[in-house]
């Protein structure tokens, strides 16, 4: 898997695919955790389908990044994606920001 990324100093922003589900979860987690930078913002605004496997991949990637002194934060202003995080209570475990800029700034 190769996803679009942007670099802001020590932070890399990863833009997720249209679907983040069982078919993409492992490749997504591997992609995110093998980046040169370990402070990651995942921009999920463009993701229209997010299932339990995709959510698990986000949590797993966060844990792996924290194990190497990094972190994973979410950026989205997509109402449906925010509801998914709220309904699954993952908004308690993942920091979620309205914009990529706010998420990147939270690292500084």
PDB file of N, CA and C in Angstrom:
ATOM      1  N   UNK A   1       0.848  -1.180   0.000  1.00  0.00           N
ATOM      2  CA  UNK A   1       0.000   0.000   0.000  1.00  0.00           C
ATOM      3  C   UNK A   1       0.887   1.235   0.000  1.00  0.00           C
ATOM      4  N   UNK A   2       0.527   2.173  -0.835  1.00  0.00           N
ATOM      5  CA  UNK A   2       1.236   3.446  -0.899  1.00  0.00           C
ATOM      6  C   UNK A   2       0.184   4.540  -0.837  1.00  0.00           C
ATOM      7  N   UNK A   3       0.220   5.325   0.219  1.00  0.00           N
ATOM      8  CA  UNK A   3      -0.778   6.363   0.428  1.00  0.00           C
ATOM      9  C   UNK A   3      -0.150   7.743   0.287  1.00  0.00           C
ATOM     10  N   UNK A   4      -0.945   8.733  -0.099  1.00  0.00           N
ATOM     11  CA  UNK A   4      -0.418  10.099  -0.175  1.00  0.00           C
ATOM     12  C   UNK A   4      -0.012  10.594   1.217  1.00  0.00           C
ATOM     13  N   UNK A   5       1.133  11.234   1.292  1.00  0.00           N
ATOM     14  CA  UNK A   5       1.618  11.771   2.562  1.00  0.00           C
ATOM     15  C   UNK A   5       2.115  13.197   2.375  1.00  0.00           C
ATOM     16  N   UNK A   6       2.151  13.910   3.481  1.00  0.00           N
ATOM     17  CA  UNK A   6       2.736  15.252   3.536  1.00  0.00           C
ATOM     18  C   UNK A   6       3.604  15.298   4.775  1.00  0.00           C
ATOM     19  N   UNK A   7       4.697  16.041   4.714  1.00  0.00           N
ATOM     20  CA  UNK A   7       5.599  16.133   5.858  1.00  0.00           C
ATOM     21  C   UNK A   7       5.622  17.562   6.377  1.00  0.00           C
ATOM     22  N   UNK A   8       5.453  17.689   7.685  1.00  0.00           N
ATOM     23  CA  UNK A   8       5.534  18.962   8.395  1.00  0.00           C
ATOM     24  C   UNK A   8       6.525  18.778   9.536  1.00  0.00           C
ATOM     25  N   UNK A   9       7.775  19.158   9.322  1.00  0.00           N
ATOM     26  CA  UNK A   9       8.841  18.974  10.315  1.00  0.00           C
ATOM     27  C   UNK A   9       8.932  17.511  10.731  1.00  0.00           C
ATOM     28  N   UNK A  10       8.630  17.207  11.995  1.00  0.00           N
ATOM     29  CA  UNK A  10       8.761  15.839  12.507  1.00  0.00           C
ATOM     30  C   UNK A  10       7.464  15.034  12.392  1.00  0.00           C
ATOM     31  N   UNK A  11       6.470  15.599  11.717  1.00  0.00           N
ATOM     32  CA  UNK A  11       5.156  14.961  11.611  1.00  0.00           C
ATOM     33  C   UNK A  11       4.872  14.595  10.162  1.00  0.00           C
ATOM     34  N   UNK A  12       4.318  13.406   9.965  1.00  0.00           N
ATOM     35  CA  UNK A  12       3.879  13.000   8.636  1.00  0.00           C
ATOM     36  C   UNK A  12       2.356  12.859   8.654  1.00  0.00           C
ATOM     37  N   UNK A  13       1.722  13.408   7.639  1.00  0.00           N
ATOM     38  CA  UNK A  13       0.274  13.305   7.479  1.00  0.00           C
ATOM     39  C   UNK A  13       0.008  12.243   6.426  1.00  0.00           C
ATOM     40  N   UNK A  14      -0.829  11.281   6.780  1.00  0.00           N
ATOM     41  CA  UNK A  14      -1.197  10.195   5.868  1.00  0.00           C
ATOM     42  C   UNK A  14      -2.666  10.361   5.510  1.00  0.00           C
ATOM     43  N   UNK A  15      -2.961  10.391   4.228  1.00  0.00           N
ATOM     44  CA  UNK A  15      -4.344  10.507   3.754  1.00  0.00           C
ATOM     45  C   UNK A  15      -4.852   9.099   3.445  1.00  0.00           C
ATOM     46  N   UNK A  16      -5.929   8.715   4.111  1.00  0.00           N
ATOM     47  CA  UNK A  16      -6.440   7.352   3.987  1.00  0.00           C
ATOM     48  C   UNK A  16      -7.192   7.145   2.678  1.00  0.00           C
ATOM     49  N   UNK A  17      -7.325   5.878   2.283  1.00  0.00           N
ATOM     50  CA  UNK A  17      -8.071   5.563   1.054  1.00  0.00           C
ATOM     51  C   UNK A  17      -9.579   5.715   1.259  1.00  0.00           C
ATOM     52  N   UNK A  18     -10.344   5.540   0.188  1.00  0.00           N
ATOM     53  CA  UNK A  18     -11.804   5.634   0.263  1.00  0.00           C
ATOM     54  C   UNK A  18     -12.381   4.630   1.252  1.00  0.00           C
ATOM     55  N   UNK A  19     -11.773   3.468   1.317  1.00  0.00           N
ATOM     56  CA  UNK A  19     -12.221   2.426   2.235  1.00  0.00           C
ATOM     57  C   UNK A  19     -11.079   2.046   3.155  1.00  0.00           C
ATOM     58  N   UNK A  20     -11.387   1.913   4.434  1.00  0.00           N
ATOM     59  CA  UNK A  20     -10.422   1.413   5.402  1.00  0.00           C
ATOM     60  C   UNK A  20     -11.125   0.299   6.160  1.00  0.00           C
ATOM     61  N   UNK A  21     -10.979  -0.895   5.620  1.00  0.00           N
ATOM     62  CA  UNK A  21     -11.671  -2.054   6.162  1.00  0.00           C
ATOM     63  C   UNK A  21     -10.752  -3.255   6.203  1.00  0.00           C
ATOM     64  N   UNK A  22     -11.351  -4.425   6.284  1.00  0.00           N
ATOM     65  CA  UNK A  22     -10.598  -5.664   6.430  1.00  0.00           C
ATOM     66  C   UNK A  22      -9.575  -5.859   5.311  1.00  0.00           C
ATOM     67  N   UNK A  23      -9.927  -5.478   4.099  1.00  0.00           N
ATOM     68  CA  UNK A  23      -9.022  -5.681   2.967  1.00  0.00           C
ATOM     69  C   UNK A  23      -7.800  -4.764   3.006  1.00  0.00           C
ATOM     70  N   UNK A  24      -7.923  -3.615   3.657  1.00  0.00           N
ATOM     71  CA  UNK A  24      -6.835  -2.639   3.686  1.00  0.00           C
ATOM     72  C   UNK A  24      -6.132  -2.543   5.042  1.00  0.00           C
ATOM     73  N   UNK A  25      -6.702  -3.098   6.082  1.00  0.00           N
ATOM     74  CA  UNK A  25      -6.256  -2.850   7.457  1.00  0.00           C
ATOM     75  C   UNK A  25      -4.784  -3.201   7.690  1.00  0.00           C
ATOM     76  N   UNK A  26      -4.386  -4.396   7.327  1.00  0.00           N
ATOM     77  CA  UNK A  26      -3.010  -4.816   7.593  1.00  0.00           C
ATOM     78  C   UNK A  26      -2.008  -3.987   6.801  1.00  0.00           C
ATOM     79  N   UNK A  27      -2.292  -3.769   5.531  1.00  0.00           N
ATOM     80  CA  UNK A  27      -1.389  -2.968   4.696  1.00  0.00           C
ATOM     81  C   UNK A  27      -1.313  -1.534   5.213  1.00  0.00           C
ATOM     82  N   UNK A  28      -2.437  -0.988   5.663  1.00  0.00           N
ATOM     83  CA  UNK A  28      -2.451   0.367   6.213  1.00  0.00           C
ATOM     84  C   UNK A  28      -1.576   0.440   7.470  1.00  0.00           C
ATOM     85  N   UNK A  29      -1.787  -0.480   8.397  1.00  0.00           N
ATOM     86  CA  UNK A  29      -1.005  -0.492   9.641  1.00  0.00           C
ATOM     87  C   UNK A  29       0.486  -0.615   9.331  1.00  0.00           C
ATOM     88  N   UNK A  30       0.848  -1.504   8.421  1.00  0.00           N
ATOM     89  CA  UNK A  30       2.255  -1.672   8.063  1.00  0.00           C
ATOM     90  C   UNK A  30       2.826  -0.408   7.431  1.00  0.00           C
ATOM     91  N   UNK A  31       2.065   0.232   6.559  1.00  0.00           N
ATOM     92  CA  UNK A  31       2.513   1.459   5.910  1.00  0.00           C
ATOM     93  C   UNK A  31       2.790   2.550   6.947  1.00  0.00           C
ATOM     94  N   UNK A  32       1.835   2.764   7.841  1.00  0.00           N
ATOM     95  CA  UNK A  32       1.941   3.849   8.827  1.00  0.00           C
ATOM     96  C   UNK A  32       3.083   3.613   9.808  1.00  0.00           C
ATOM     97  N   UNK A  33       3.279   2.383  10.224  1.00  0.00           N
ATOM     98  CA  UNK A  33       4.291   2.107  11.256  1.00  0.00           C
ATOM     99  C   UNK A  33       5.697   1.973  10.686  1.00  0.00           C
ATOM    100  N   UNK A  34       5.831   1.986   9.362  1.00  0.00           N
ATOM    101  CA  UNK A  34       7.162   1.885   8.748  1.00  0.00           C
ATOM    102  C   UNK A  34       7.640   3.204   8.140  1.00  0.00           C
ATOM    103  N   UNK A  35       6.929   4.270   8.402  1.00  0.00           N
ATOM    104  CA  UNK A  35       7.333   5.581   7.905  1.00  0.00           C
ATOM    105  C   UNK A  35       8.572   6.066   8.647  1.00  0.00           C
ATOM    106  N   UNK A  36       9.320   6.961   8.014  1.00  0.00           N
ATOM    107  CA  UNK A  36      10.525   7.504   8.653  1.00  0.00           C
ATOM    108  C   UNK A  36      10.204   8.290   9.913  1.00  0.00           C
ATOM    109  N   UNK A  37       9.108   9.001   9.903  1.00  0.00           N
ATOM    110  CA  UNK A  37       8.699   9.790  11.063  1.00  0.00           C
ATOM    111  C   UNK A  37       7.673   8.992  11.856  1.00  0.00           C
ATOM    112  N   UNK A  38       7.741   9.134  13.176  1.00  0.00           N
ATOM    113  CA  UNK A  38       6.877   8.331  14.038  1.00  0.00           C
ATOM    114  C   UNK A  38       5.730   9.122  14.656  1.00  0.00           C
ATOM    115  N   UNK A  39       5.673  10.415  14.372  1.00  0.00           N
ATOM    116  CA  UNK A  39       4.518  11.222  14.774  1.00  0.00           C
ATOM    117  C   UNK A  39       3.628  11.344  13.544  1.00  0.00           C
ATOM    118  N   UNK A  40       2.460  10.716  13.618  1.00  0.00           N
ATOM    119  CA  UNK A  40       1.612  10.558  12.438  1.00  0.00           C
ATOM    120  C   UNK A  40       0.242  11.182  12.678  1.00  0.00           C
ATOM    121  N   UNK A  41      -0.221  11.920  11.687  1.00  0.00           N
ATOM    122  CA  UNK A  41      -1.606  12.389  11.643  1.00  0.00           C
ATOM    123  C   UNK A  41      -2.271  11.638  10.509  1.00  0.00           C
ATOM    124  N   UNK A  42      -3.368  10.976  10.816  1.00  0.00           N
ATOM    125  CA  UNK A  42      -4.121  10.242   9.804  1.00  0.00           C
ATOM    126  C   UNK A  42      -5.339  11.080   9.433  1.00  0.00           C
ATOM    127  N   UNK A  43      -5.351  11.553   8.197  1.00  0.00           N
ATOM    128  CA  UNK A  43      -6.457  12.362   7.687  1.00  0.00           C
ATOM    129  C   UNK A  43      -7.469  11.420   7.045  1.00  0.00           C
ATOM    130  N   UNK A  44      -8.629  11.255   7.707  1.00  0.00           N
ATOM    131  CA  UNK A  44      -9.628  10.306   7.204  1.00  0.00           C
ATOM    132  C   UNK A  44     -10.831  10.992   6.563  1.00  0.00           C
ATOM    133  N   UNK A  45     -10.696  12.267   6.229  1.00  0.00           N
ATOM    134  CA  UNK A  45     -11.808  12.973   5.596  1.00  0.00           C
ATOM    135  C   UNK A  45     -12.289  12.294   4.321  1.00  0.00           C
ATOM    136  N   UNK A  46     -11.396  11.731   3.546  1.00  0.00           N
ATOM    137  CA  UNK A  46     -11.766  11.113   2.284  1.00  0.00           C
ATOM    138  C   UNK A  46     -12.251   9.681   2.401  1.00  0.00           C
ATOM    139  N   UNK A  47     -12.235   9.137   3.605  1.00  0.00           N
ATOM    140  CA  UNK A  47     -12.652   7.754   3.804  1.00  0.00           C
ATOM    141  C   UNK A  47     -14.160   7.683   3.959  1.00  0.00           C
ATOM    142  N   UNK A  48     -14.786   6.927   3.082  1.00  0.00           N
ATOM    143  CA  UNK A  48     -16.240   6.803   3.102  1.00  0.00           C
ATOM    144  C   UNK A  48     -16.704   5.531   3.788  1.00  0.00           C
ATOM    145  N   UNK A  49     -15.825   4.548   3.921  1.00  0.00           N
ATOM    146  CA  UNK A  49     -16.173   3.293   4.555  1.00  0.00           C
ATOM    147  C   UNK A  49     -15.101   2.938   5.577  1.00  0.00           C
ATOM    148  N   UNK A  50     -15.490   2.889   6.827  1.00  0.00           N
ATOM    149  CA  UNK A  50     -14.577   2.616   7.932  1.00  0.00           C
ATOM    150  C   UNK A  50     -15.227   1.559   8.807  1.00  0.00           C
ATOM    151  N   UNK A  51     -14.625   0.350   8.842  1.00  0.00           N
ATOM    152  CA  UNK A  51     -15.241  -0.714   9.634  1.00  0.00           C
ATOM    153  C   UNK A  51     -14.363  -1.079  10.822  1.00  0.00           C
ATOM    154  N   UNK A  52     -14.758  -2.134  11.533  1.00  0.00           N
ATOM    155  CA  UNK A  52     -14.048  -2.509  12.762  1.00  0.00           C
ATOM    156  C   UNK A  52     -12.600  -2.881  12.500  1.00  0.00           C
ATOM    157  N   UNK A  53     -12.309  -3.502  11.365  1.00  0.00           N
ATOM    158  CA  UNK A  53     -10.922  -3.845  11.041  1.00  0.00           C
ATOM    159  C   UNK A  53     -10.092  -2.579  10.817  1.00  0.00           C
ATOM    160  N   UNK A  54     -10.675  -1.591  10.176  1.00  0.00           N
ATOM    161  CA  UNK A  54      -9.985  -0.322   9.970  1.00  0.00           C
ATOM    162  C   UNK A  54      -9.732   0.398  11.281  1.00  0.00           C
ATOM    163  N   UNK A  55     -10.719   0.377  12.164  1.00  0.00           N
ATOM    164  CA  UNK A  55     -10.561   0.998  13.484  1.00  0.00           C
ATOM    165  C   UNK A  55      -9.489   0.280  14.297  1.00  0.00           C
ATOM    166  N   UNK A  56      -9.487  -1.038  14.228  1.00  0.00           N
ATOM    167  CA  UNK A  56      -8.469  -1.820  14.931  1.00  0.00           C
ATOM    168  C   UNK A  56      -7.084  -1.501  14.387  1.00  0.00           C
ATOM    169  N   UNK A  57      -6.968  -1.324  13.083  1.00  0.00           N
ATOM    170  CA  UNK A  57      -5.681  -0.981  12.485  1.00  0.00           C
ATOM    171  C   UNK A  57      -5.180   0.364  13.001  1.00  0.00           C
ATOM    172  N   UNK A  58      -6.087   1.320  13.184  1.00  0.00           N
ATOM    173  CA  UNK A  58      -5.701   2.627  13.728  1.00  0.00           C
ATOM    174  C   UNK A  58      -5.174   2.487  15.157  1.00  0.00           C
ATOM    175  N   UNK A  59      -5.892   1.730  15.986  1.00  0.00           N
ATOM    176  CA  UNK A  59      -5.475   1.528  17.376  1.00  0.00           C
ATOM    177  C   UNK A  59      -4.148   0.769  17.431  1.00  0.00           C
ATOM    178  N   UNK A  60      -4.024  -0.286  16.637  1.00  0.00           N
ATOM    179  CA  UNK A  60      -2.775  -1.059  16.604  1.00  0.00           C
ATOM    180  C   UNK A  60      -1.597  -0.195  16.165  1.00  0.00           C
ATOM    181  N   UNK A  61      -1.816   0.621  15.142  1.00  0.00           N
ATOM    182  CA  UNK A  61      -0.743   1.506  14.666  1.00  0.00           C
ATOM    183  C   UNK A  61      -0.358   2.501  15.751  1.00  0.00           C
ATOM    184  N   UNK A  62      -1.348   3.044  16.455  1.00  0.00           N
ATOM    185  CA  UNK A  62      -1.057   3.974  17.536  1.00  0.00           C
ATOM    186  C   UNK A  62      -0.198   3.301  18.607  1.00  0.00           C
ATOM    187  N   UNK A  63      -0.565   2.099  19.009  1.00  0.00           N
ATOM    188  CA  UNK A  63       0.199   1.380  20.031  1.00  0.00           C
ATOM    189  C   UNK A  63       1.632   1.100  19.560  1.00  0.00           C
ATOM    190  N   UNK A  64       1.770   0.694  18.310  1.00  0.00           N
ATOM    191  CA  UNK A  64       3.103   0.415  17.772  1.00  0.00           C
ATOM    192  C   UNK A  64       3.945   1.685  17.716  1.00  0.00           C
ATOM    193  N   UNK A  65       3.356   2.792  17.292  1.00  0.00           N
ATOM    194  CA  UNK A  65       4.088   4.059  17.222  1.00  0.00           C
ATOM    195  C   UNK A  65       4.468   4.544  18.613  1.00  0.00           C
ATOM    196  N   UNK A  66       3.580   4.388  19.572  1.00  0.00           N
ATOM    197  CA  UNK A  66       3.913   4.786  20.941  1.00  0.00           C
ATOM    198  C   UNK A  66       5.051   3.951  21.498  1.00  0.00           C
ATOM    199  N   UNK A  67       5.148   2.706  21.049  1.00  0.00           N
ATOM    200  CA  UNK A  67       6.235   1.834  21.478  1.00  0.00           C
ATOM    201  C   UNK A  67       7.593   2.303  20.995  1.00  0.00           C
ATOM    202  N   UNK A  68       7.610   3.125  19.962  1.00  0.00           N
ATOM    203  CA  UNK A  68       8.868   3.678  19.451  1.00  0.00           C
ATOM    204  C   UNK A  68       8.882   5.208  19.619  1.00  0.00           C
ATOM    205  N   UNK A  69       8.196   5.663  20.668  1.00  0.00           N
ATOM    206  CA  UNK A  69       8.177   7.078  21.075  1.00  0.00           C
ATOM    207  C   UNK A  69       7.522   7.994  20.050  1.00  0.00           C
ATOM    208  N   UNK A  70       6.541   7.488  19.355  1.00  0.00           N
ATOM    209  CA  UNK A  70       5.759   8.297  18.431  1.00  0.00           C
ATOM    210  C   UNK A  70       4.312   8.331  18.890  1.00  0.00           C
ATOM    211  N   UNK A  71       3.429   8.705  18.002  1.00  0.00           N
ATOM    212  CA  UNK A  71       2.007   8.733  18.318  1.00  0.00           C
ATOM    213  C   UNK A  71       1.216   8.810  17.013  1.00  0.00           C
ATOM    214  N   UNK A  72      -0.074   8.574  17.122  1.00  0.00           N
ATOM    215  CA  UNK A  72      -0.976   8.663  15.989  1.00  0.00           C
ATOM    216  C   UNK A  72      -2.180   9.475  16.416  1.00  0.00           C
ATOM    217  N   UNK A  73      -2.514  10.466  15.604  1.00  0.00           N
ATOM    218  CA  UNK A  73      -3.669  11.318  15.861  1.00  0.00           C
ATOM    219  C   UNK A  73      -4.526  11.348  14.605  1.00  0.00           C
ATOM    220  N   UNK A  74      -5.799  11.626  14.779  1.00  0.00           N
ATOM    221  CA  UNK A  74      -6.761  11.597  13.682  1.00  0.00           C
ATOM    222  C   UNK A  74      -7.192  13.015  13.343  1.00  0.00           C
ATOM    223  N   UNK A  75      -7.361  13.258  12.057  1.00  0.00           N
ATOM    224  CA  UNK A  75      -7.923  14.514  11.585  1.00  0.00           C
ATOM    225  C   UNK A  75      -9.141  14.196  10.739  1.00  0.00           C
ATOM    226  N   UNK A  76     -10.283  14.800  11.102  1.00  0.00           N
ATOM    227  CA  UNK A  76     -11.470  14.672  10.266  1.00  0.00           C
ATOM    228  C   UNK A  76     -12.513  15.699  10.669  1.00  0.00           C
ATOM    229  N   UNK A  77     -13.187  16.231   9.683  1.00  0.00           N
ATOM    230  CA  UNK A  77     -14.371  17.035   9.958  1.00  0.00           C
ATOM    231  C   UNK A  77     -15.575  16.372   9.293  1.00  0.00           C
ATOM    232  N   UNK A  78     -15.384  15.120   8.866  1.00  0.00           N
ATOM    233  CA  UNK A  78     -16.435  14.307   8.281  1.00  0.00           C
ATOM    234  C   UNK A  78     -17.370  13.831   9.400  1.00  0.00           C
ATOM    235  N   UNK A  79     -18.605  14.277   9.368  1.00  0.00           N
ATOM    236  CA  UNK A  79     -19.567  13.994  10.443  1.00  0.00           C
ATOM    237  C   UNK A  79     -19.771  12.491  10.630  1.00  0.00           C
ATOM    238  N   UNK A  80     -19.865  11.752   9.548  1.00  0.00           N
ATOM    239  CA  UNK A  80     -20.091  10.313   9.658  1.00  0.00           C
ATOM    240  C   UNK A  80     -18.922   9.598  10.323  1.00  0.00           C
ATOM    241  N   UNK A  81     -17.702   9.972   9.951  1.00  0.00           N
ATOM    242  CA  UNK A  81     -16.531   9.347  10.577  1.00  0.00           C
ATOM    243  C   UNK A  81     -16.443   9.703  12.053  1.00  0.00           C
ATOM    244  N   UNK A  82     -16.765  10.939  12.399  1.00  0.00           N
ATOM    245  CA  UNK A  82     -16.759  11.330  13.816  1.00  0.00           C
ATOM    246  C   UNK A  82     -17.766  10.500  14.611  1.00  0.00           C
ATOM    247  N   UNK A  83     -18.931  10.254  14.024  1.00  0.00           N
ATOM    248  CA  UNK A  83     -19.955   9.447  14.702  1.00  0.00           C
ATOM    249  C   UNK A  83     -19.455   8.026  14.949  1.00  0.00           C
ATOM    250  N   UNK A  84     -18.721   7.483  13.987  1.00  0.00           N
ATOM    251  CA  UNK A  84     -18.167   6.132  14.161  1.00  0.00           C
ATOM    252  C   UNK A  84     -17.246   6.105  15.376  1.00  0.00           C
ATOM    253  N   UNK A  85     -16.374   7.100  15.502  1.00  0.00           N
ATOM    254  CA  UNK A  85     -15.461   7.155  16.646  1.00  0.00           C
ATOM    255  C   UNK A  85     -16.218   7.342  17.962  1.00  0.00           C
ATOM    256  N   UNK A  86     -17.250   8.153  17.941  1.00  0.00           N
ATOM    257  CA  UNK A  86     -18.048   8.371  19.144  1.00  0.00           C
ATOM    258  C   UNK A  86     -18.826   7.122  19.539  1.00  0.00           C
ATOM    259  N   UNK A  87     -19.474   6.487  18.572  1.00  0.00           N
ATOM    260  CA  UNK A  87     -20.290   5.306  18.862  1.00  0.00           C
ATOM    261  C   UNK A  87     -19.448   4.139  19.360  1.00  0.00           C
ATOM    262  N   UNK A  88     -18.227   4.019  18.870  1.00  0.00           N
ATOM    263  CA  UNK A  88     -17.342   2.936  19.301  1.00  0.00           C
ATOM    264  C   UNK A  88     -16.505   3.334  20.512  1.00  0.00           C
ATOM    265  N   UNK A  89     -16.656   4.568  20.948  1.00  0.00           N
ATOM    266  CA  UNK A  89     -15.925   5.136  22.085  1.00  0.00           C
ATOM    267  C   UNK A  89     -14.412   5.205  21.843  1.00  0.00           C
ATOM    268  N   UNK A  90     -14.009   5.128  20.595  1.00  0.00           N
ATOM    269  CA  UNK A  90     -12.594   5.257  20.279  1.00  0.00           C
ATOM    270  C   UNK A  90     -12.121   6.697  20.350  1.00  0.00           C
ATOM    271  N   UNK A  91     -13.075   7.633  20.414  1.00  0.00           N
ATOM    272  CA  UNK A  91     -12.696   9.036  20.589  1.00  0.00           C
ATOM    273  C   UNK A  91     -12.043   9.264  21.950  1.00  0.00           C
ATOM    274  N   UNK A  92     -12.184   8.305  22.852  1.00  0.00           N
ATOM    275  CA  UNK A  92     -11.536   8.371  24.159  1.00  0.00           C
ATOM    276  C   UNK A  92     -10.068   7.952  24.042  1.00  0.00           C
ATOM    277  N   UNK A  93      -9.767   7.056  23.094  1.00  0.00           N
ATOM    278  CA  UNK A  93      -8.415   6.510  22.942  1.00  0.00           C
ATOM    279  C   UNK A  93      -7.575   7.231  21.896  1.00  0.00           C
ATOM    280  N   UNK A  94      -8.226   7.818  20.919  1.00  0.00           N
ATOM    281  CA  UNK A  94      -7.528   8.516  19.844  1.00  0.00           C
ATOM    282  C   UNK A  94      -7.843  10.004  19.912  1.00  0.00           C
ATOM    283  N   UNK A  95      -6.822  10.817  19.803  1.00  0.00           N
ATOM    284  CA  UNK A  95      -7.057  12.257  19.734  1.00  0.00           C
ATOM    285  C   UNK A  95      -7.572  12.587  18.342  1.00  0.00           C
ATOM    286  N   UNK A  96      -8.719  13.270  18.289  1.00  0.00           N
ATOM    287  CA  UNK A  96      -9.341  13.601  17.015  1.00  0.00           C
ATOM    288  C   UNK A  96      -9.432  15.110  16.882  1.00  0.00           C
ATOM    289  N   UNK A  97      -8.945  15.615  15.756  1.00  0.00           N
ATOM    290  CA  UNK A  97      -8.912  17.049  15.496  1.00  0.00           C
ATOM    291  C   UNK A  97      -9.764  17.362  14.276  1.00  0.00           C
ATOM    292  N   UNK A  98     -10.260  18.601  14.220  1.00  0.00           N
ATOM    293  CA  UNK A  98     -11.092  19.028  13.098  1.00  0.00           C
ATOM    294  C   UNK A  98     -10.297  19.265  11.822  1.00  0.00           C
ATOM    295  N   UNK A  99      -9.013  19.569  11.966  1.00  0.00           N
ATOM    296  CA  UNK A  99      -8.206  19.860  10.782  1.00  0.00           C
ATOM    297  C   UNK A  99      -6.818  19.244  10.910  1.00  0.00           C
ATOM    298  N   UNK A 100      -6.196  19.044   9.770  1.00  0.00           N
ATOM    299  CA  UNK A 100      -4.833  18.525   9.734  1.00  0.00           C
ATOM    300  C   UNK A 100      -3.898  19.489  10.462  1.00  0.00           C
ATOM    301  N   UNK A 101      -4.073  20.773  10.224  1.00  0.00           N
ATOM    302  CA  UNK A 101      -3.197  21.779  10.853  1.00  0.00           C
ATOM    303  C   UNK A 101      -3.276  21.706  12.372  1.00  0.00           C
ATOM    304  N   UNK A 102      -4.487  21.593  12.922  1.00  0.00           N
ATOM    305  CA  UNK A 102      -4.631  21.487  14.384  1.00  0.00           C
ATOM    306  C   UNK A 102      -3.951  20.225  14.911  1.00  0.00           C
ATOM    307  N   UNK A 103      -4.089  19.133  14.190  1.00  0.00           N
ATOM    308  CA  UNK A 103      -3.470  17.875  14.618  1.00  0.00           C
ATOM    309  C   UNK A 103      -1.948  17.978  14.576  1.00  0.00           C
ATOM    310  N   UNK A 104      -1.405  18.552  13.502  1.00  0.00           N
ATOM    311  CA  UNK A 104       0.036  18.721  13.396  1.00  0.00           C
ATOM    312  C   UNK A 104       0.551  19.629  14.500  1.00  0.00           C
ATOM    313  N   UNK A 105      -0.147  20.722  14.758  1.00  0.00           N
ATOM    314  CA  UNK A 105       0.277  21.668  15.809  1.00  0.00           C
ATOM    315  C   UNK A 105       0.288  21.025  17.192  1.00  0.00           C
ATOM    316  N   UNK A 106      -0.561  20.042  17.403  1.00  0.00           N
ATOM    317  CA  UNK A 106      -0.630  19.397  18.730  1.00  0.00           C
ATOM    318  C   UNK A 106       0.661  18.662  19.083  1.00  0.00           C
ATOM    319  N   UNK A 107       1.478  18.371  18.098  1.00  0.00           N
ATOM    320  CA  UNK A 107       2.766  17.710  18.341  1.00  0.00           C
ATOM    321  C   UNK A 107       3.844  18.694  18.812  1.00  0.00           C
ATOM    322  N   UNK A 108       3.593  19.977  18.639  1.00  0.00           N
ATOM    323  CA  UNK A 108       4.631  20.976  18.974  1.00  0.00           C
ATOM    324  C   UNK A 108       4.332  21.679  20.273  1.00  0.00           C
TER     325      UNK A 108
END
